[in-house]
């Protein structure tokens, strides 16, 4: 499981946008978003740089933890 700090997520729509974007890249990805902690946990075949790029393409600032 890879964990990322993601700034700018504020609501359920943000959660859905990030989750859907990651699952478009890897349909088998497990994505868990913790809005309160501003963290996204991802279990995926994608590398951390790929995941970061997908999150950034959705308009959020992200970094690996």
PDB file of N, CA and C in Angstrom:
ATOM      1  N   UNK A   1       0.855  -1.175   0.000  1.00  0.00           N
ATOM      2  CA  UNK A   1       0.000   0.000   0.000  1.00  0.00           C
ATOM      3  C   UNK A   1       0.900   1.237   0.000  1.00  0.00           C
ATOM      4  N   UNK A   2       0.653   2.128  -0.954  1.00  0.00           N
ATOM      5  CA  UNK A   2       1.391   3.385  -1.037  1.00  0.00           C
ATOM      6  C   UNK A   2       0.495   4.484  -0.461  1.00  0.00           C
ATOM      7  N   UNK A   3       1.085   5.410   0.271  1.00  0.00           N
ATOM      8  CA  UNK A   3       0.316   6.474   0.904  1.00  0.00           C
ATOM      9  C   UNK A   3       0.820   7.822   0.411  1.00  0.00           C
ATOM     10  N   UNK A   4      -0.145   8.694   0.102  1.00  0.00           N
ATOM     11  CA  UNK A   4       0.168  10.011  -0.440  1.00  0.00           C
ATOM     12  C   UNK A   4      -0.566  11.088   0.334  1.00  0.00           C
ATOM     13  N   UNK A   5       0.088  12.213   0.515  1.00  0.00           N
ATOM     14  CA  UNK A   5      -0.536  13.400   1.091  1.00  0.00           C
ATOM     15  C   UNK A   5      -1.105  14.191  -0.081  1.00  0.00           C
ATOM     16  N   UNK A   6      -2.390  14.526  -0.003  1.00  0.00           N
ATOM     17  CA  UNK A   6      -3.049  15.217  -1.107  1.00  0.00           C
ATOM     18  C   UNK A   6      -3.757  16.464  -0.572  1.00  0.00           C
ATOM     19  N   UNK A   7      -3.343  17.621  -1.062  1.00  0.00           N
ATOM     20  CA  UNK A   7      -3.953  18.894  -0.664  1.00  0.00           C
ATOM     21  C   UNK A   7      -5.055  19.277  -1.646  1.00  0.00           C
ATOM     22  N   UNK A   8      -6.108  19.875  -1.110  1.00  0.00           N
ATOM     23  CA  UNK A   8      -7.167  20.403  -1.969  1.00  0.00           C
ATOM     24  C   UNK A   8      -8.427  19.562  -2.007  1.00  0.00           C
ATOM     25  N   UNK A   9      -8.400  18.366  -1.447  1.00  0.00           N
ATOM     26  CA  UNK A   9      -9.613  17.541  -1.413  1.00  0.00           C
ATOM     27  C   UNK A   9     -10.498  18.032  -0.267  1.00  0.00           C
ATOM     28  N   UNK A  10     -11.765  18.324  -0.588  1.00  0.00           N
ATOM     29  CA  UNK A  10     -12.640  18.895   0.433  1.00  0.00           C
ATOM     30  C   UNK A  10     -13.973  18.176   0.587  1.00  0.00           C
ATOM     31  N   UNK A  11     -14.319  17.297  -0.356  1.00  0.00           N
ATOM     32  CA  UNK A  11     -15.665  16.724  -0.310  1.00  0.00           C
ATOM     33  C   UNK A  11     -15.720  15.363  -1.002  1.00  0.00           C
ATOM     34  N   UNK A  12     -16.889  14.777  -0.989  1.00  0.00           N
ATOM     35  CA  UNK A  12     -17.091  13.491  -1.626  1.00  0.00           C
ATOM     36  C   UNK A  12     -16.800  13.510  -3.114  1.00  0.00           C
ATOM     37  N   UNK A  13     -17.059  14.625  -3.766  1.00  0.00           N
ATOM     38  CA  UNK A  13     -16.761  14.730  -5.197  1.00  0.00           C
ATOM     39  C   UNK A  13     -15.264  14.597  -5.440  1.00  0.00           C
ATOM     40  N   UNK A  14     -14.462  15.213  -4.574  1.00  0.00           N
ATOM     41  CA  UNK A  14     -13.006  15.108  -4.692  1.00  0.00           C
ATOM     42  C   UNK A  14     -12.561  13.658  -4.537  1.00  0.00           C
ATOM     43  N   UNK A  15     -13.137  12.982  -3.549  1.00  0.00           N
ATOM     44  CA  UNK A  15     -12.816  11.569  -3.302  1.00  0.00           C
ATOM     45  C   UNK A  15     -13.123  10.745  -4.540  1.00  0.00           C
ATOM     46  N   UNK A  16     -14.297  10.964  -5.100  1.00  0.00           N
ATOM     47  CA  UNK A  16     -14.727  10.205  -6.283  1.00  0.00           C
ATOM     48  C   UNK A  16     -13.839  10.515  -7.487  1.00  0.00           C
ATOM     49  N   UNK A  17     -13.462  11.779  -7.658  1.00  0.00           N
ATOM     50  CA  UNK A  17     -12.623  12.170  -8.798  1.00  0.00           C
ATOM     51  C   UNK A  17     -11.264  11.482  -8.738  1.00  0.00           C
ATOM     52  N   UNK A  18     -10.639  11.488  -7.559  1.00  0.00           N
ATOM     53  CA  UNK A  18      -9.327  10.866  -7.404  1.00  0.00           C
ATOM     54  C   UNK A  18      -9.439   9.346  -7.563  1.00  0.00           C
ATOM     55  N   UNK A  19     -10.433   8.760  -6.916  1.00  0.00           N
ATOM     56  CA  UNK A  19     -10.626   7.307  -6.993  1.00  0.00           C
ATOM     57  C   UNK A  19     -10.863   6.861  -8.426  1.00  0.00           C
ATOM     58  N   UNK A  20     -11.777   7.527  -9.114  1.00  0.00           N
ATOM     59  CA  UNK A  20     -12.103   7.148 -10.492  1.00  0.00           C
ATOM     60  C   UNK A  20     -10.906   7.322 -11.425  1.00  0.00           C
ATOM     61  N   UNK A  21     -10.151   8.396 -11.236  1.00  0.00           N
ATOM     62  CA  UNK A  21      -8.987   8.640 -12.091  1.00  0.00           C
ATOM     63  C   UNK A  21      -7.951   7.524 -11.916  1.00  0.00           C
ATOM     64  N   UNK A  22      -7.705   7.122 -10.678  1.00  0.00           N
ATOM     65  CA  UNK A  22      -6.735   6.056 -10.430  1.00  0.00           C
ATOM     66  C   UNK A  22      -7.228   4.721 -10.982  1.00  0.00           C
ATOM     67  N   UNK A  23      -8.521   4.462 -10.846  1.00  0.00           N
ATOM     68  CA  UNK A  23      -9.061   3.192 -11.327  1.00  0.00           C
ATOM     69  C   UNK A  23      -9.186   3.158 -12.847  1.00  0.00           C
ATOM     70  N   UNK A  24      -9.177   4.306 -13.496  1.00  0.00           N
ATOM     71  CA  UNK A  24      -9.114   4.322 -14.964  1.00  0.00           C
ATOM     72  C   UNK A  24      -7.746   3.827 -15.430  1.00  0.00           C
ATOM     73  N   UNK A  25      -6.706   4.161 -14.668  1.00  0.00           N
ATOM     74  CA  UNK A  25      -5.346   3.747 -15.013  1.00  0.00           C
ATOM     75  C   UNK A  25      -5.078   2.299 -14.626  1.00  0.00           C
ATOM     76  N   UNK A  26      -5.668   1.859 -13.515  1.00  0.00           N
ATOM     77  CA  UNK A  26      -5.519   0.481 -13.034  1.00  0.00           C
ATOM     78  C   UNK A  26      -6.854   0.058 -12.440  1.00  0.00           C
ATOM     79  N   UNK A  27      -7.632  -0.674 -13.230  1.00  0.00           N
ATOM     80  CA  UNK A  27      -8.984  -1.060 -12.817  1.00  0.00           C
ATOM     81  C   UNK A  27      -8.998  -1.864 -11.525  1.00  0.00           C
ATOM     82  N   UNK A  28      -7.910  -2.544 -11.223  1.00  0.00           N
ATOM     83  CA  UNK A  28      -7.845  -3.366 -10.013  1.00  0.00           C
ATOM     84  C   UNK A  28      -7.337  -2.596  -8.793  1.00  0.00           C
ATOM     85  N   UNK A  29      -7.047  -1.322  -8.955  1.00  0.00           N
ATOM     86  CA  UNK A  29      -6.493  -0.533  -7.856  1.00  0.00           C
ATOM     87  C   UNK A  29      -7.473  -0.437  -6.692  1.00  0.00           C
ATOM     88  N   UNK A  30      -6.930  -0.571  -5.490  1.00  0.00           N
ATOM     89  CA  UNK A  30      -7.699  -0.322  -4.273  1.00  0.00           C
ATOM     90  C   UNK A  30      -7.314   1.072  -3.798  1.00  0.00           C
ATOM     91  N   UNK A  31      -8.325   1.940  -3.671  1.00  0.00           N
ATOM     92  CA  UNK A  31      -8.070   3.327  -3.298  1.00  0.00           C
ATOM     93  C   UNK A  31      -8.872   3.657  -2.044  1.00  0.00           C
ATOM     94  N   UNK A  32      -8.180   4.172  -1.027  1.00  0.00           N
ATOM     95  CA  UNK A  32      -8.844   4.603   0.201  1.00  0.00           C
ATOM     96  C   UNK A  32      -8.454   6.045   0.450  1.00  0.00           C
ATOM     97  N   UNK A  33      -9.471   6.901   0.605  1.00  0.00           N
ATOM     98  CA  UNK A  33      -9.219   8.323   0.817  1.00  0.00           C
ATOM     99  C   UNK A  33      -9.666   8.698   2.223  1.00  0.00           C
ATOM    100  N   UNK A  34      -8.786   9.372   2.948  1.00  0.00           N
ATOM    101  CA  UNK A  34      -9.093   9.898   4.279  1.00  0.00           C
ATOM    102  C   UNK A  34      -9.091  11.418   4.162  1.00  0.00           C
ATOM    103  N   UNK A  35     -10.294  11.991   4.011  1.00  0.00           N
ATOM    104  CA  UNK A  35     -10.395  13.447   3.822  1.00  0.00           C
ATOM    105  C   UNK A  35      -9.845  14.208   5.018  1.00  0.00           C
ATOM    106  N   UNK A  36     -10.131  13.742   6.221  1.00  0.00           N
ATOM    107  CA  UNK A  36      -9.700  14.452   7.422  1.00  0.00           C
ATOM    108  C   UNK A  36      -8.183  14.549   7.508  1.00  0.00           C
ATOM    109  N   UNK A  37      -7.499  13.490   7.124  1.00  0.00           N
ATOM    110  CA  UNK A  37      -6.032  13.474   7.178  1.00  0.00           C
ATOM    111  C   UNK A  37      -5.396  13.906   5.862  1.00  0.00           C
ATOM    112  N   UNK A  38      -6.225  14.127   4.839  1.00  0.00           N
ATOM    113  CA  UNK A  38      -5.755  14.528   3.505  1.00  0.00           C
ATOM    114  C   UNK A  38      -4.770  13.500   2.961  1.00  0.00           C
ATOM    115  N   UNK A  39      -5.168  12.223   3.080  1.00  0.00           N
ATOM    116  CA  UNK A  39      -4.311  11.145   2.616  1.00  0.00           C
ATOM    117  C   UNK A  39      -5.060  10.214   1.677  1.00  0.00           C
ATOM    118  N   UNK A  40      -4.333   9.711   0.707  1.00  0.00           N
ATOM    119  CA  UNK A  40      -4.853   8.710  -0.215  1.00  0.00           C
ATOM    120  C   UNK A  40      -3.934   7.496  -0.136  1.00  0.00           C
ATOM    121  N   UNK A  41      -4.526   6.343   0.152  1.00  0.00           N
ATOM    122  CA  UNK A  41      -3.781   5.084   0.179  1.00  0.00           C
ATOM    123  C   UNK A  41      -4.152   4.300  -1.072  1.00  0.00           C
ATOM    124  N   UNK A  42      -3.152   3.787  -1.760  1.00  0.00           N
ATOM    125  CA  UNK A  42      -3.384   3.105  -3.032  1.00  0.00           C
ATOM    126  C   UNK A  42      -2.627   1.782  -3.072  1.00  0.00           C
ATOM    127  N   UNK A  43      -3.361   0.726  -3.391  1.00  0.00           N
ATOM    128  CA  UNK A  43      -2.740  -0.576  -3.660  1.00  0.00           C
ATOM    129  C   UNK A  43      -2.935  -0.808  -5.151  1.00  0.00           C
ATOM    130  N   UNK A  44      -1.825  -0.779  -5.888  1.00  0.00           N
ATOM    131  CA  UNK A  44      -1.915  -0.788  -7.341  1.00  0.00           C
ATOM    132  C   UNK A  44      -0.617  -1.279  -7.957  1.00  0.00           C
ATOM    133  N   UNK A  45      -0.717  -1.701  -9.210  1.00  0.00           N
ATOM    134  CA  UNK A  45       0.470  -2.054  -9.982  1.00  0.00           C
ATOM    135  C   UNK A  45       1.192  -0.801 -10.474  1.00  0.00           C
ATOM    136  N   UNK A  46       0.538   0.346 -10.376  1.00  0.00           N
ATOM    137  CA  UNK A  46       1.141   1.602 -10.811  1.00  0.00           C
ATOM    138  C   UNK A  46       2.265   2.009  -9.860  1.00  0.00           C
ATOM    139  N   UNK A  47       3.294   2.620 -10.398  1.00  0.00           N
ATOM    140  CA  UNK A  47       4.374   3.140  -9.575  1.00  0.00           C
ATOM    141  C   UNK A  47       3.958   4.436  -8.902  1.00  0.00           C
ATOM    142  N   UNK A  48       4.706   4.833  -7.882  1.00  0.00           N
ATOM    143  CA  UNK A  48       4.334   6.037  -7.134  1.00  0.00           C
ATOM    144  C   UNK A  48       4.325   7.284  -8.014  1.00  0.00           C
ATOM    145  N   UNK A  49       5.272   7.398  -8.948  1.00  0.00           N
ATOM    146  CA  UNK A  49       5.281   8.571  -9.828  1.00  0.00           C
ATOM    147  C   UNK A  49       4.049   8.607 -10.732  1.00  0.00           C
ATOM    148  N   UNK A  50       3.626   7.438 -11.201  1.00  0.00           N
ATOM    149  CA  UNK A  50       2.411   7.379 -12.028  1.00  0.00           C
ATOM    150  C   UNK A  50       1.192   7.803 -11.212  1.00  0.00           C
ATOM    151  N   UNK A  51       1.106   7.311  -9.983  1.00  0.00           N
ATOM    152  CA  UNK A  51      -0.027   7.662  -9.121  1.00  0.00           C
ATOM    153  C   UNK A  51      -0.030   9.153  -8.840  1.00  0.00           C
ATOM    154  N   UNK A  52       1.139   9.699  -8.515  1.00  0.00           N
ATOM    155  CA  UNK A  52       1.225  11.139  -8.263  1.00  0.00           C
ATOM    156  C   UNK A  52       0.772  11.937  -9.479  1.00  0.00           C
ATOM    157  N   UNK A  53       1.175  11.517 -10.666  1.00  0.00           N
ATOM    158  CA  UNK A  53       0.793  12.238 -11.879  1.00  0.00           C
ATOM    159  C   UNK A  53      -0.718  12.201 -12.102  1.00  0.00           C
ATOM    160  N   UNK A  54      -1.329  11.051 -11.862  1.00  0.00           N
ATOM    161  CA  UNK A  54      -2.787  10.931 -12.020  1.00  0.00           C
ATOM    162  C   UNK A  54      -3.493  11.883 -11.054  1.00  0.00           C
ATOM    163  N   UNK A  55      -3.052  11.908  -9.805  1.00  0.00           N
ATOM    164  CA  UNK A  55      -3.676  12.793  -8.810  1.00  0.00           C
ATOM    165  C   UNK A  55      -3.469  14.252  -9.203  1.00  0.00           C
ATOM    166  N   UNK A  56      -2.272  14.591  -9.630  1.00  0.00           N
ATOM    167  CA  UNK A  56      -1.983  15.978 -10.044  1.00  0.00           C
ATOM    168  C   UNK A  56      -2.795  16.371 -11.271  1.00  0.00           C
ATOM    169  N   UNK A  57      -2.992  15.433 -12.188  1.00  0.00           N
ATOM    170  CA  UNK A  57      -3.798  15.717 -13.386  1.00  0.00           C
ATOM    171  C   UNK A  57      -5.244  16.026 -13.021  1.00  0.00           C
ATOM    172  N   UNK A  58      -5.694  15.538 -11.856  1.00  0.00           N
ATOM    173  CA  UNK A  58      -7.052  15.859 -11.380  1.00  0.00           C
ATOM    174  C   UNK A  58      -7.100  17.227 -10.716  1.00  0.00           C
ATOM    175  N   UNK A  59      -5.944  17.867 -10.547  1.00  0.00           N
ATOM    176  CA  UNK A  59      -5.913  19.227 -10.007  1.00  0.00           C
ATOM    177  C   UNK A  59      -5.517  19.335  -8.541  1.00  0.00           C
ATOM    178  N   UNK A  60      -4.950  18.284  -7.968  1.00  0.00           N
ATOM    179  CA  UNK A  60      -4.576  18.294  -6.562  1.00  0.00           C
ATOM    180  C   UNK A  60      -3.061  18.244  -6.412  1.00  0.00           C
ATOM    181  N   UNK A  61      -2.569  18.884  -5.341  1.00  0.00           N
ATOM    182  CA  UNK A  61      -1.164  18.801  -4.996  1.00  0.00           C
ATOM    183  C   UNK A  61      -0.961  17.489  -4.257  1.00  0.00           C
ATOM    184  N   UNK A  62       0.032  16.726  -4.641  1.00  0.00           N
ATOM    185  CA  UNK A  62       0.252  15.420  -4.011  1.00  0.00           C
ATOM    186  C   UNK A  62       1.731  15.145  -3.836  1.00  0.00           C
ATOM    187  N   UNK A  63       2.027  14.407  -2.752  1.00  0.00           N
ATOM    188  CA  UNK A  63       3.396  13.950  -2.536  1.00  0.00           C
ATOM    189  C   UNK A  63       3.329  12.613  -1.802  1.00  0.00           C
ATOM    190  N   UNK A  64       4.353  11.808  -2.015  1.00  0.00           N
ATOM    191  CA  UNK A  64       4.433  10.529  -1.324  1.00  0.00           C
ATOM    192  C   UNK A  64       4.786  10.758   0.129  1.00  0.00           C
ATOM    193  N   UNK A  65       4.267   9.904   1.004  1.00  0.00           N
ATOM    194  CA  UNK A  65       4.576   9.986   2.439  1.00  0.00           C
ATOM    195  C   UNK A  65       5.543   8.874   2.776  1.00  0.00           C
TER     196      UNK A  65
END
